[in-house]
Amino acid sequence: MSLTPLASASEATRLATGPLTGSEALYLLVVSGPQQGKYFRVPRSGGQMGRSKLCAVRIDDPSLSEDNIELKRLKSGHFQIEDQASRYGIYIDRKAVNNRILADGDLLELSSETHLRCRYLAPHMVPETIRESRSKLLQRNYLIYRLEEDLAFTRRQNLPLSLLHLDLDHFSEFNQQHGHQVGQQLILRIAQRLNKAARTEDLLALYGSDEFLVMVRGFTEEACEPFAQRLRKEAQLAVKNGPEHLPELSASVGIAECQSQEVLTPLQLLARAETALYNAKRLGRDQVVLFTSL
């Protein structure tokens, strides 16, 4: 009989980002590999993951094992991943693991090519609260819910729609050095500056502890790039002009577009934006990357 591992204090902190309500599902967004830009929804019952057609989560990567990775849903709503002698092993945020509870935002590496971003989302439900309590930005589930409507609207109007994903570089190290409270104050200042930079019709949401999403209607990826560069610089200025005299902190941005007559779901567009951001990080950070450039 296998026992569910207890979360340590540091593990509990890692899992605390975006506490689960029970309505979220685990989505695995493919940011690198043969199925880059796609996503998988893990069944609530969990199951095996690999390249076998019988797997609950089947990934088309010949370097993966047939079915040697298990996903198990816990009472908390989180999923536990277990390596059952897979060919490559499992790496989370570059560290080898055998058995681990997946947290929102974890980067899951299953082969030298296939890397997945873990997200706990409830995209088809209207959140009870639209805005995040501290930053006053939109809740990420509300933005994803709104994307459904806006994608349909822009398609009817023959307009493009772009999604920007901004993430602070090395923010976890920043938090460790300067403390969680300083980090949270910085996030609030960045949120204020991004909100002022955005248009009234743009939707801005807090996506993770140090991540932001911006939905921009009527603009292609290329047209959004100057705006993304401005947002990146606004984040830097929030650090530079703060009262704490903090060291410089850069930001990376990924942009994905739904073209005027393209049919995409919100999660498909989000997976593309995640992929673009992943590549901005991989290429050295402190830059903007377009999904269509990959």
Protein backbone atom coordinates (compact mmCIF):
# COMPACT_ATOMS: atom_id res chain seq x y z
CA MET A 1 0.00 0.00 0.00
CA SER A 2 1.41 3.41 -0.99
CA LEU A 3 1.02 6.33 1.41
CA THR A 4 0.25 9.88 0.30
CA PRO A 5 3.29 12.02 1.17
CA LEU A 6 2.73 14.81 3.67
CA ALA A 7 3.64 18.30 2.50
CA SER A 8 6.56 19.89 4.32
CA ALA A 9 6.46 23.57 5.35
CA SER A 10 8.28 24.60 2.17
CA GLU A 11 6.09 22.28 0.11
CA ALA A 12 2.95 23.75 1.66
CA THR A 13 4.17 27.22 0.66
CA ARG A 14 4.78 26.01 -2.90
CA LEU A 15 1.26 24.55 -3.11
CA ALA A 16 -0.38 27.62 -1.57
CA THR A 17 -0.28 29.61 -4.81
CA GLY A 18 -3.87 29.77 -5.99
CA PRO A 19 -5.59 27.58 -3.32
CA LEU A 20 -7.99 25.09 -4.86
CA THR A 21 -11.76 25.28 -4.42
CA GLY A 22 -12.55 21.82 -5.76
CA SER A 23 -13.85 22.99 -9.14
CA GLU A 24 -10.44 23.25 -10.81
CA ALA A 25 -9.05 20.67 -13.21
CA LEU A 26 -5.38 20.05 -13.87
CA TYR A 27 -4.29 21.21 -17.32
CA LEU A 28 -0.89 20.31 -18.75
CA LEU A 29 0.16 22.92 -21.32
CA VAL A 30 2.83 21.71 -23.74
CA VAL A 31 5.46 24.46 -23.93
CA SER A 32 8.12 22.35 -25.68
CA GLY A 33 8.15 19.19 -27.78
CA PRO A 34 6.32 17.61 -30.73
CA GLN A 35 2.93 18.88 -29.46
CA GLN A 36 4.13 22.36 -28.52
CA GLY A 37 1.28 24.84 -28.05
CA LYS A 38 -1.31 22.16 -27.22
CA TYR A 39 -2.73 21.14 -23.86
CA PHE A 40 -4.12 18.14 -21.99
CA ARG A 41 -6.86 18.06 -19.37
CA VAL A 42 -6.14 15.41 -16.75
CA PRO A 43 -9.26 13.37 -15.86
CA ARG A 44 -10.44 13.80 -12.27
CA SER A 45 -9.85 10.09 -11.79
CA GLY A 46 -6.21 10.51 -12.84
CA GLY A 47 -4.50 7.68 -14.66
CA GLN A 48 -1.36 6.83 -16.56
CA MET A 49 0.61 9.23 -18.74
CA GLY A 50 2.85 8.26 -21.64
CA ARG A 51 2.79 7.53 -25.37
CA SER A 52 0.51 4.47 -25.21
CA LYS A 53 -2.93 4.86 -26.77
CA LEU A 54 -4.39 3.45 -23.55
CA CYS A 55 -3.04 6.29 -21.38
CA ALA A 56 -5.40 8.80 -19.79
CA VAL A 57 -2.93 11.47 -20.93
CA ARG A 58 -1.35 10.36 -24.20
CA ILE A 59 1.65 12.40 -25.36
CA ASP A 60 2.98 11.91 -28.86
CA ASP A 61 6.71 11.79 -28.10
CA PRO A 62 8.67 8.67 -29.18
CA SER A 63 11.23 9.20 -26.41
CA LEU A 64 8.58 8.77 -23.69
CA SER A 65 7.84 5.45 -22.03
CA GLU A 66 4.59 3.66 -22.86
CA ASP A 67 2.74 4.27 -19.58
CA ASN A 68 5.24 4.51 -16.72
CA ILE A 69 3.99 7.75 -15.14
CA GLU A 70 0.94 7.84 -12.87
CA LEU A 71 -1.23 10.86 -11.99
CA LYS A 72 -3.38 10.52 -8.87
CA ARG A 73 -5.88 13.09 -7.57
CA LEU A 74 -5.67 13.87 -3.85
CA LYS A 75 -8.39 15.07 -1.46
CA SER A 76 -6.96 18.60 -1.66
CA GLY A 77 -7.70 18.66 -5.40
CA HIS A 78 -4.01 18.59 -6.29
CA PHE A 79 -2.53 15.80 -8.34
CA GLN A 80 0.38 13.63 -7.31
CA ILE A 81 2.77 12.41 -10.00
CA GLU A 82 4.74 9.19 -9.60
CA ASP A 83 7.55 7.82 -11.72
CA GLN A 84 7.14 4.07 -12.24
CA ALA A 85 10.54 3.34 -13.80
CA SER A 86 9.98 5.56 -16.84
CA ARG A 87 12.68 5.78 -19.49
CA TYR A 88 13.69 9.41 -18.93
CA GLY A 89 12.48 10.04 -15.40
CA ILE A 90 10.53 13.05 -14.15
CA TYR A 91 11.96 16.52 -13.59
CA ILE A 92 10.08 19.38 -11.95
CA ASP A 93 11.69 22.79 -12.31
CA ARG A 94 14.93 21.06 -13.39
CA LYS A 95 15.08 18.74 -10.34
CA ALA A 96 14.65 14.96 -10.59
CA VAL A 97 11.69 13.60 -8.60
CA ASN A 98 10.12 10.19 -8.10
CA ASN A 99 6.95 11.20 -6.30
CA ARG A 100 5.68 14.77 -6.02
CA ILE A 101 2.50 16.78 -5.56
CA LEU A 102 2.08 19.04 -8.58
CA ALA A 103 1.73 22.75 -7.82
CA ASP A 104 0.28 25.40 -10.09
CA GLY A 105 3.03 26.72 -12.34
CA ASP A 106 5.33 23.69 -12.03
CA LEU A 107 7.43 23.00 -15.13
CA LEU A 108 7.22 19.27 -15.76
CA GLU A 109 9.96 17.71 -17.92
CA LEU A 110 9.18 14.24 -19.27
CA SER A 111 11.85 13.96 -21.97
CA SER A 112 14.59 16.09 -23.49
CA GLU A 113 11.90 17.60 -25.74
CA THR A 114 8.54 17.44 -23.95
CA HIS A 115 8.09 20.04 -21.21
CA LEU A 116 4.68 20.79 -19.69
CA ARG A 117 3.41 23.68 -17.57
CA CYS A 118 0.96 22.63 -14.83
CA ARG A 119 -2.11 24.81 -14.28
CA TYR A 120 -5.15 24.27 -12.04
CA LEU A 121 -7.98 26.06 -13.82
CA ALA A 122 -11.77 26.21 -13.93
CA PRO A 123 -12.24 27.79 -17.37
CA HIS A 124 -15.94 26.99 -17.79
CA MET A 125 -17.18 28.40 -14.50
CA VAL A 126 -17.94 32.01 -13.60
CA PRO A 127 -15.83 32.80 -10.50
CA GLU A 128 -17.67 34.06 -7.41
CA THR A 129 -15.27 37.00 -7.29
CA ILE A 130 -14.19 38.73 -10.49
CA ARG A 131 -11.21 40.60 -9.07
CA GLU A 132 -8.26 39.51 -6.98
CA SER A 133 -8.56 41.01 -3.49
CA ARG A 134 -5.14 42.67 -3.12
CA SER A 135 -4.09 43.73 -6.62
CA LYS A 136 -7.68 44.44 -7.77
CA LEU A 137 -6.77 42.84 -11.09
CA LEU A 138 -9.08 40.29 -12.68
CA GLN A 139 -9.05 36.73 -11.41
CA ARG A 140 -7.37 34.50 -13.96
CA ASN A 141 -10.36 32.13 -14.21
CA TYR A 142 -12.58 35.11 -14.99
CA LEU A 143 -10.25 36.28 -17.76
CA ILE A 144 -10.22 32.77 -19.25
CA TYR A 145 -14.02 32.69 -18.97
CA ARG A 146 -14.20 36.07 -20.76
CA LEU A 147 -11.85 34.83 -23.47
CA GLU A 148 -14.60 32.47 -24.65
CA GLU A 149 -16.90 35.42 -25.36
CA ASP A 150 -14.22 37.68 -26.79
CA LEU A 151 -12.84 35.05 -29.13
CA ALA A 152 -16.35 34.58 -30.53
CA PHE A 153 -16.85 38.37 -30.81
CA THR A 154 -13.57 39.04 -32.63
CA ARG A 155 -14.23 36.16 -35.01
CA ARG A 156 -17.64 37.63 -35.90
CA GLN A 157 -16.03 41.05 -36.40
CA ASN A 158 -13.17 39.55 -38.45
CA LEU A 159 -10.61 40.86 -35.93
CA PRO A 160 -7.56 39.28 -34.34
CA LEU A 161 -7.17 38.82 -30.59
CA SER A 162 -3.87 38.54 -28.75
CA LEU A 163 -2.94 37.26 -25.31
CA LEU A 164 0.19 38.50 -23.53
CA HIS A 165 1.80 36.51 -20.72
CA LEU A 166 4.28 38.49 -18.59
CA ASP A 167 6.45 36.86 -15.94
CA LEU A 168 9.11 38.35 -13.68
CA ASP A 169 12.55 36.80 -14.14
CA HIS A 170 14.14 35.01 -11.16
CA PHE A 171 11.34 36.18 -8.84
CA SER A 172 11.58 33.15 -6.54
CA GLU A 173 15.22 33.99 -5.82
CA PHE A 174 14.20 37.63 -5.29
CA ASN A 175 11.61 36.54 -2.73
CA GLN A 176 14.13 34.37 -0.90
CA GLN A 177 16.60 37.24 -0.67
CA HIS A 178 14.28 40.12 0.19
CA GLY A 179 11.33 38.37 1.83
CA HIS A 180 7.77 37.50 0.82
CA GLN A 181 6.29 40.78 2.09
CA VAL A 182 8.65 42.91 -0.02
CA GLY A 183 7.88 40.68 -3.00
CA GLN A 184 4.12 41.11 -2.54
CA GLN A 185 4.45 44.89 -2.25
CA LEU A 186 6.43 44.87 -5.48
CA ILE A 187 3.75 42.81 -7.26
CA LEU A 188 1.11 45.37 -6.21
CA ARG A 189 3.20 48.24 -7.61
CA ILE A 190 3.76 46.36 -10.86
CA ALA A 191 0.02 45.64 -11.10
CA GLN A 192 -0.74 49.35 -10.74
CA ARG A 193 1.75 50.34 -13.44
CA LEU A 194 0.53 47.66 -15.86
CA ASN A 195 -3.07 48.68 -15.25
CA LYS A 196 -2.27 52.30 -16.12
CA ALA A 197 -0.39 51.25 -19.26
CA ALA A 198 -3.25 49.07 -20.56
CA ARG A 199 -6.18 50.41 -22.57
CA THR A 200 -9.63 50.58 -20.96
CA GLU A 201 -10.84 47.73 -23.18
CA ASP A 202 -7.86 45.47 -22.39
CA LEU A 203 -8.35 42.78 -19.74
CA LEU A 204 -5.51 42.41 -17.23
CA ALA A 205 -5.38 39.50 -14.78
CA LEU A 206 -3.04 38.17 -12.13
CA TYR A 207 -2.15 34.70 -13.43
CA GLY A 208 0.28 33.43 -10.78
CA SER A 209 2.25 34.86 -7.88
CA ASP A 210 4.43 36.87 -10.30
CA GLU A 211 2.65 36.39 -13.62
CA PHE A 212 0.17 38.54 -15.51
CA LEU A 213 -2.13 37.98 -18.48
CA VAL A 214 -3.34 40.76 -20.79
CA MET A 215 -6.05 40.19 -23.41
CA VAL A 216 -5.86 42.66 -26.30
CA ARG A 217 -8.65 42.74 -28.90
CA GLY A 218 -8.06 43.87 -32.46
CA PHE A 219 -4.26 43.52 -32.45
CA THR A 220 -2.02 40.90 -34.03
CA GLU A 221 1.08 39.53 -32.31
CA GLU A 222 3.32 41.90 -34.26
CA ALA A 223 1.13 44.90 -33.45
CA CYS A 224 1.21 43.96 -29.75
CA GLU A 225 4.99 43.72 -29.53
CA PRO A 226 5.62 47.46 -28.79
CA PHE A 227 2.92 47.29 -26.10
CA ALA A 228 4.54 44.17 -24.62
CA GLN A 229 7.91 45.92 -24.56
CA ARG A 230 6.30 48.83 -22.72
CA LEU A 231 4.75 46.50 -20.13
CA ARG A 232 8.10 44.82 -19.62
CA LYS A 233 9.74 48.21 -18.98
CA GLU A 234 6.91 49.28 -16.66
CA ALA A 235 7.60 46.20 -14.54
CA GLN A 236 11.29 47.13 -14.39
CA LEU A 237 10.47 50.73 -13.41
CA ALA A 238 8.25 49.50 -10.57
CA VAL A 239 11.35 47.87 -9.10
CA LYS A 240 13.77 50.68 -9.88
CA ASN A 241 11.56 53.51 -8.57
CA GLY A 242 10.39 51.71 -5.43
CA PRO A 243 11.22 52.89 -1.90
CA GLU A 244 13.21 49.76 -1.03
CA HIS A 245 16.18 50.52 -3.35
CA LEU A 246 15.99 47.01 -4.74
CA PRO A 247 18.31 45.54 -7.38
CA GLU A 248 17.12 45.48 -10.98
CA LEU A 249 14.58 42.83 -11.91
CA SER A 250 13.71 42.03 -15.52
CA ALA A 251 10.57 40.55 -17.07
CA SER A 252 9.82 38.27 -20.01
CA VAL A 253 6.71 38.31 -22.21
CA GLY A 254 5.15 35.74 -24.53
CA ILE A 255 2.49 36.76 -27.08
CA ALA A 256 0.01 34.50 -28.86
CA GLU A 257 -2.64 35.50 -31.38
CA CYS A 258 -5.94 34.11 -32.55
CA GLN A 259 -6.19 35.27 -36.15
CA SER A 260 -9.40 36.85 -37.41
CA GLN A 261 -11.01 33.68 -38.79
CA GLU A 262 -9.13 31.13 -36.69
CA VAL A 263 -11.15 28.96 -34.30
CA LEU A 264 -9.36 28.54 -30.97
CA THR A 265 -10.54 27.74 -27.46
CA PRO A 266 -9.29 29.88 -24.54
CA LEU A 267 -7.04 27.04 -23.37
CA GLN A 268 -5.51 26.65 -26.84
CA LEU A 269 -4.64 30.36 -26.92
CA LEU A 270 -3.34 30.21 -23.37
CA ALA A 271 -1.13 27.21 -24.22
CA ARG A 272 0.37 29.18 -27.10
CA ALA A 273 1.07 32.18 -24.86
CA GLU A 274 2.67 29.89 -22.27
CA THR A 275 4.83 28.40 -25.02
CA ALA A 276 5.96 31.82 -26.23
CA LEU A 277 6.86 32.85 -22.66
CA TYR A 278 8.74 29.59 -22.06
CA ASN A 279 10.87 30.32 -25.10
CA ALA A 280 11.49 33.92 -23.98
CA LYS A 281 12.92 32.42 -20.78
CA ARG A 282 14.86 29.74 -22.62
CA LEU A 283 16.45 32.29 -24.96
CA GLY A 284 17.86 34.34 -22.10
CA ARG A 285 14.92 36.16 -20.45
CA ASP A 286 14.33 39.95 -20.46
CA GLN A 287 12.67 39.86 -23.88
CA VAL A 288 9.44 39.43 -25.86
CA VAL A 289 8.79 36.33 -27.97
CA LEU A 290 5.93 35.79 -30.45
CA PHE A 291 4.38 32.32 -30.77
CA THR A 292 4.40 32.57 -34.57
CA SER A 293 8.18 33.08 -34.53
CA LEU A 294 8.78 29.61 -33.06
